[in-house]
Amino acid sequence: MEEYEHKLKQFMADHRINGEHLSFKQSCHSVEDAAKAANCTTEDFVKNICMFDEKNNLIVAIVKGEDRVSTTQVGKHLNIDRPRTATAAEILEKTGYPCGGTPSFGYTAYFLIDPKVMEKTTVYTGGGSENSLVRISPQEMQKANGAQVVKMRK
């Protein structure tokens, strides 16, 4: 897992992304686990829902930890058929990071951020492994991934 964390830290350094990489001994796989590890609330977290369109292009929908993504709304916004959710193996293959540690930037995808995320001052996202996180402002995260802000939560 350290190789994934190292890769993300290097990406952040190379692209001058202003965020803090945090490593923990306990799992950060779920939003609840991550909140316990970082000693904060689930409202401080975002999750990255990885999906594919009919041409196998990766779409990453970033929503607050307590929210769910509407694949119907994602499809309507992108003017595509409703996307399908990626498997753990596909996530690793397409992002280069394991499911449960997938960051909100650092790989090629079409990124969408829900407006509720942009209301936060700071958020936590995957840090490259199940035991790491990145603390970052939503604006810096958007700068890092080139995301479009669009409502897509259920």
C-alpha atoms as a PDB file:
ATOM      1  CA  MET A   1       0.000   0.000   0.000  1.00  0.00           C
ATOM      2  CA  GLU A   2       2.901   2.364   0.599  1.00  0.00           C
ATOM      3  CA  GLU A   3       3.597   2.422  -3.157  1.00  0.00           C
ATOM      4  CA  TYR A   4       0.150   3.961  -3.777  1.00  0.00           C
ATOM      5  CA  GLU A   5       0.635   6.548  -1.050  1.00  0.00           C
ATOM      6  CA  HIS A   6       4.077   7.415  -2.399  1.00  0.00           C
ATOM      7  CA  LYS A   7       2.668   7.777  -5.929  1.00  0.00           C
ATOM      8  CA  LEU A   8      -0.017  10.189  -4.703  1.00  0.00           C
ATOM      9  CA  LYS A   9       2.433  12.226  -2.604  1.00  0.00           C
ATOM     10  CA  GLN A  10       4.696  12.514  -5.649  1.00  0.00           C
ATOM     11  CA  PHE A  11       1.779  13.631  -7.834  1.00  0.00           C
ATOM     12  CA  MET A  12       0.868  16.272  -5.248  1.00  0.00           C
ATOM     13  CA  ALA A  13       4.461  17.537  -5.112  1.00  0.00           C
ATOM     14  CA  ASP A  14       4.930  17.516  -8.897  1.00  0.00           C
ATOM     15  CA  HIS A  15       1.675  19.419  -9.481  1.00  0.00           C
ATOM     16  CA  ARG A  16       2.040  21.710  -6.452  1.00  0.00           C
ATOM     17  CA  ILE A  17      -1.249  20.595  -4.952  1.00  0.00           C
ATOM     18  CA  ASN A  18      -1.801  22.297  -1.622  1.00  0.00           C
ATOM     19  CA  GLY A  19      -3.095  19.506   0.577  1.00  0.00           C
ATOM     20  CA  GLU A  20      -1.919  17.374   3.467  1.00  0.00           C
ATOM     21  CA  HIS A  21      -1.358  13.626   3.098  1.00  0.00           C
ATOM     22  CA  LEU A  22      -2.187  11.696   6.289  1.00  0.00           C
ATOM     23  CA  SER A  23      -1.312   8.055   7.064  1.00  0.00           C
ATOM     24  CA  PHE A  24      -2.970   5.958   9.786  1.00  0.00           C
ATOM     25  CA  LYS A  25      -2.566   2.508  11.303  1.00  0.00           C
ATOM     26  CA  GLN A  26      -6.308   1.804  11.069  1.00  0.00           C
ATOM     27  CA  SER A  27      -8.458   1.436   7.966  1.00  0.00           C
ATOM     28  CA  CYS A  28      -9.994   4.452   6.225  1.00  0.00           C
ATOM     29  CA  HIS A  29     -11.909   2.287   3.733  1.00  0.00           C
ATOM     30  CA  SER A  30     -15.364   3.533   4.705  1.00  0.00           C
ATOM     31  CA  VAL A  31     -16.327   7.117   5.514  1.00  0.00           C
ATOM     32  CA  GLU A  32     -17.114   6.038   9.077  1.00  0.00           C
ATOM     33  CA  ASP A  33     -13.697   4.359   9.504  1.00  0.00           C
ATOM     34  CA  ALA A  34     -11.961   7.395   8.038  1.00  0.00           C
ATOM     35  CA  ALA A  35     -13.796   9.800  10.362  1.00  0.00           C
ATOM     36  CA  LYS A  36     -12.683   7.772  13.372  1.00  0.00           C
ATOM     37  CA  ALA A  37      -9.080   7.686  12.138  1.00  0.00           C
ATOM     38  CA  ALA A  38      -8.949  11.438  11.471  1.00  0.00           C
ATOM     39  CA  ASN A  39     -10.918  12.294  14.631  1.00  0.00           C
ATOM     40  CA  CYS A  40     -13.595  14.298  12.829  1.00  0.00           C
ATOM     41  CA  THR A  41     -17.150  13.819  11.560  1.00  0.00           C
ATOM     42  CA  THR A  42     -18.400  12.082   8.430  1.00  0.00           C
ATOM     43  CA  GLU A  43     -19.584  15.492   7.183  1.00  0.00           C
ATOM     44  CA  ASP A  44     -15.921  16.394   6.583  1.00  0.00           C
ATOM     45  CA  PHE A  45     -15.439  13.628   4.005  1.00  0.00           C
ATOM     46  CA  VAL A  46     -16.001  13.194   0.322  1.00  0.00           C
ATOM     47  CA  LYS A  47     -16.277   9.927  -1.504  1.00  0.00           C
ATOM     48  CA  ASN A  48     -15.342   9.199  -5.078  1.00  0.00           C
ATOM     49  CA  ILE A  49     -17.882   7.109  -6.950  1.00  0.00           C
ATOM     50  CA  CYS A  50     -16.205   5.611 -10.011  1.00  0.00           C
ATOM     51  CA  MET A  51     -18.394   4.830 -13.011  1.00  0.00           C
ATOM     52  CA  PHE A  52     -18.085   4.085 -16.715  1.00  0.00           C
ATOM     53  CA  ASP A  53     -19.987   5.367 -19.703  1.00  0.00           C
ATOM     54  CA  GLU A  54     -20.875   3.147 -22.676  1.00  0.00           C
ATOM     55  CA  LYS A  55     -17.442   3.841 -24.241  1.00  0.00           C
ATOM     56  CA  ASN A  56     -15.646   2.704 -21.062  1.00  0.00           C
ATOM     57  CA  ASN A  57     -14.566   6.238 -20.108  1.00  0.00           C
ATOM     58  CA  LEU A  58     -14.014   6.732 -16.387  1.00  0.00           C
ATOM     59  CA  ILE A  59     -16.323   9.172 -14.615  1.00  0.00           C
ATOM     60  CA  VAL A  60     -15.678  10.108 -10.983  1.00  0.00           C
ATOM     61  CA  ALA A  61     -18.545  11.666  -9.054  1.00  0.00           C
ATOM     62  CA  ILE A  62     -17.385  13.381  -5.859  1.00  0.00           C
ATOM     63  CA  VAL A  63     -20.043  13.817  -3.194  1.00  0.00           C
ATOM     64  CA  LYS A  64     -20.070  14.419   0.543  1.00  0.00           C
ATOM     65  CA  GLY A  65     -19.575  11.277   2.602  1.00  0.00           C
ATOM     66  CA  GLU A  66     -23.183  11.028   3.713  1.00  0.00           C
ATOM     67  CA  ASP A  67     -24.620  11.562   0.218  1.00  0.00           C
ATOM     68  CA  ARG A  68     -25.347   9.130  -2.587  1.00  0.00           C
ATOM     69  CA  VAL A  69     -24.860   9.665  -6.314  1.00  0.00           C
ATOM     70  CA  SER A  70     -27.718   9.597  -8.778  1.00  0.00           C
ATOM     71  CA  THR A  71     -26.370   7.796 -11.840  1.00  0.00           C
ATOM     72  CA  THR A  72     -29.449   9.035 -13.696  1.00  0.00           C
ATOM     73  CA  GLN A  73     -28.486  12.660 -12.998  1.00  0.00           C
ATOM     74  CA  VAL A  74     -24.853  11.969 -13.984  1.00  0.00           C
ATOM     75  CA  GLY A  75     -26.063  10.492 -17.288  1.00  0.00           C
ATOM     76  CA  LYS A  76     -28.390  13.432 -17.947  1.00  0.00           C
ATOM     77  CA  HIS A  77     -25.673  15.963 -17.185  1.00  0.00           C
ATOM     78  CA  LEU A  78     -23.144  14.261 -19.466  1.00  0.00           C
ATOM     79  CA  ASN A  79     -25.797  13.519 -22.104  1.00  0.00           C
ATOM     80  CA  ILE A  80     -25.013   9.795 -21.994  1.00  0.00           C
ATOM     81  CA  ASP A  81     -26.826   6.626 -21.020  1.00  0.00           C
ATOM     82  CA  ARG A  82     -26.912   6.019 -17.292  1.00  0.00           C
ATOM     83  CA  PRO A  83     -23.317   5.081 -16.303  1.00  0.00           C
ATOM     84  CA  ARG A  84     -22.517   1.834 -14.539  1.00  0.00           C
ATOM     85  CA  THR A  85     -20.598   1.604 -11.283  1.00  0.00           C
ATOM     86  CA  ALA A  86     -17.018   0.351 -11.576  1.00  0.00           C
ATOM     87  CA  THR A  87     -15.815  -2.809  -9.857  1.00  0.00           C
ATOM     88  CA  ALA A  88     -12.886  -2.755  -7.414  1.00  0.00           C
ATOM     89  CA  ALA A  89     -10.638  -4.331 -10.067  1.00  0.00           C
ATOM     90  CA  GLU A  90     -11.668  -1.718 -12.647  1.00  0.00           C
ATOM     91  CA  ILE A  91     -11.033   1.095 -10.166  1.00  0.00           C
ATOM     92  CA  LEU A  92      -7.491  -0.134  -9.544  1.00  0.00           C
ATOM     93  CA  GLU A  93      -6.867  -0.617 -13.258  1.00  0.00           C
ATOM     94  CA  LYS A  94      -8.217   2.788 -14.372  1.00  0.00           C
ATOM     95  CA  THR A  95      -7.108   5.009 -11.457  1.00  0.00           C
ATOM     96  CA  GLY A  96      -3.975   3.206 -10.310  1.00  0.00           C
ATOM     97  CA  TYR A  97      -5.329   3.239  -6.747  1.00  0.00           C
ATOM     98  CA  PRO A  98      -7.253   0.619  -4.768  1.00  0.00           C
ATOM     99  CA  CYS A  99     -10.933   0.949  -3.959  1.00  0.00           C
ATOM    100  CA  GLY A 100     -11.236   2.471  -0.492  1.00  0.00           C
ATOM    101  CA  GLY A 101      -8.175   4.653  -0.991  1.00  0.00           C
ATOM    102  CA  THR A 102      -8.955   6.243  -4.348  1.00  0.00           C
ATOM    103  CA  PRO A 103      -8.117   9.956  -4.277  1.00  0.00           C
ATOM    104  CA  SER A 104     -10.163  12.699  -5.951  1.00  0.00           C
ATOM    105  CA  PHE A 105      -7.331  13.516  -8.390  1.00  0.00           C
ATOM    106  CA  GLY A 106      -4.109  12.114  -9.823  1.00  0.00           C
ATOM    107  CA  TYR A 107      -5.387  10.079 -12.785  1.00  0.00           C
ATOM    108  CA  THR A 108      -7.330  10.538 -16.012  1.00  0.00           C
ATOM    109  CA  ALA A 109     -11.102  10.719 -15.631  1.00  0.00           C
ATOM    110  CA  TYR A 110     -14.041  13.023 -16.141  1.00  0.00           C
ATOM    111  CA  PHE A 111     -14.529  14.503 -12.666  1.00  0.00           C
ATOM    112  CA  LEU A 112     -17.788  15.914 -11.300  1.00  0.00           C
ATOM    113  CA  ILE A 113     -18.113  17.605  -7.901  1.00  0.00           C
ATOM    114  CA  ASP A 114     -21.444  18.096  -6.185  1.00  0.00           C
ATOM    115  CA  PRO A 115     -22.075  21.738  -5.120  1.00  0.00           C
ATOM    116  CA  LYS A 116     -22.503  20.678  -1.457  1.00  0.00           C
ATOM    117  CA  VAL A 117     -18.818  19.658  -1.462  1.00  0.00           C
ATOM    118  CA  MET A 118     -17.806  23.139  -2.599  1.00  0.00           C
ATOM    119  CA  GLU A 119     -19.544  24.664   0.447  1.00  0.00           C
ATOM    120  CA  LYS A 120     -16.984  23.074   2.787  1.00  0.00           C
ATOM    121  CA  THR A 121     -13.777  24.817   3.875  1.00  0.00           C
ATOM    122  CA  THR A 122     -11.778  21.603   4.026  1.00  0.00           C
ATOM    123  CA  VAL A 123     -12.554  18.013   3.049  1.00  0.00           C
ATOM    124  CA  TYR A 124     -10.878  14.635   3.397  1.00  0.00           C
ATOM    125  CA  THR A 125     -10.541  12.331   0.408  1.00  0.00           C
ATOM    126  CA  GLY A 126      -8.780   9.038  -0.285  1.00  0.00           C
ATOM    127  CA  GLY A 127      -5.033   9.138   0.241  1.00  0.00           C
ATOM    128  CA  GLY A 128      -4.030   6.339  -2.118  1.00  0.00           C
ATOM    129  CA  SER A 129      -4.511   3.400   0.256  1.00  0.00           C
ATOM    130  CA  GLU A 130      -7.053   2.142   2.763  1.00  0.00           C
ATOM    131  CA  ASN A 131      -4.935   3.639   5.546  1.00  0.00           C
ATOM    132  CA  SER A 132      -4.433   7.164   4.256  1.00  0.00           C
ATOM    133  CA  LEU A 133      -6.309  10.371   3.498  1.00  0.00           C
ATOM    134  CA  VAL A 134      -5.699  13.774   1.970  1.00  0.00           C
ATOM    135  CA  ARG A 135      -6.973  16.896   3.715  1.00  0.00           C
ATOM    136  CA  ILE A 136      -7.602  19.571   1.068  1.00  0.00           C
ATOM    137  CA  SER A 137      -9.854  22.511   0.232  1.00  0.00           C
ATOM    138  CA  PRO A 138     -12.567  21.740  -2.326  1.00  0.00           C
ATOM    139  CA  GLN A 139     -11.229  24.557  -4.517  1.00  0.00           C
ATOM    140  CA  GLU A 140      -7.726  23.048  -4.540  1.00  0.00           C
ATOM    141  CA  MET A 141      -9.202  19.614  -5.251  1.00  0.00           C
ATOM    142  CA  GLN A 142     -11.142  21.055  -8.194  1.00  0.00           C
ATOM    143  CA  LYS A 143      -8.000  22.747  -9.477  1.00  0.00           C
ATOM    144  CA  ALA A 144      -6.168  19.398  -9.250  1.00  0.00           C
ATOM    145  CA  ASN A 145      -8.801  17.410 -11.140  1.00  0.00           C
ATOM    146  CA  GLY A 146     -10.431  19.977 -13.440  1.00  0.00           C
ATOM    147  CA  ALA A 147     -13.877  18.939 -12.228  1.00  0.00           C
ATOM    148  CA  GLN A 148     -17.148  20.438 -13.249  1.00  0.00           C
ATOM    149  CA  VAL A 149     -19.481  21.382 -10.389  1.00  0.00           C
ATOM    150  CA  VAL A 150     -22.896  19.825 -10.932  1.00  0.00           C
ATOM    151  CA  LYS A 151     -25.686  18.560  -8.682  1.00  0.00           C
ATOM    152  CA  MET A 152     -25.837  14.777  -8.823  1.00  0.00           C
ATOM    153  CA  ARG A 153     -26.671  13.611  -5.309  1.00  0.00           C
ATOM    154  CA  LYS A 154     -29.869  11.715  -4.538  1.00  0.00           C
END
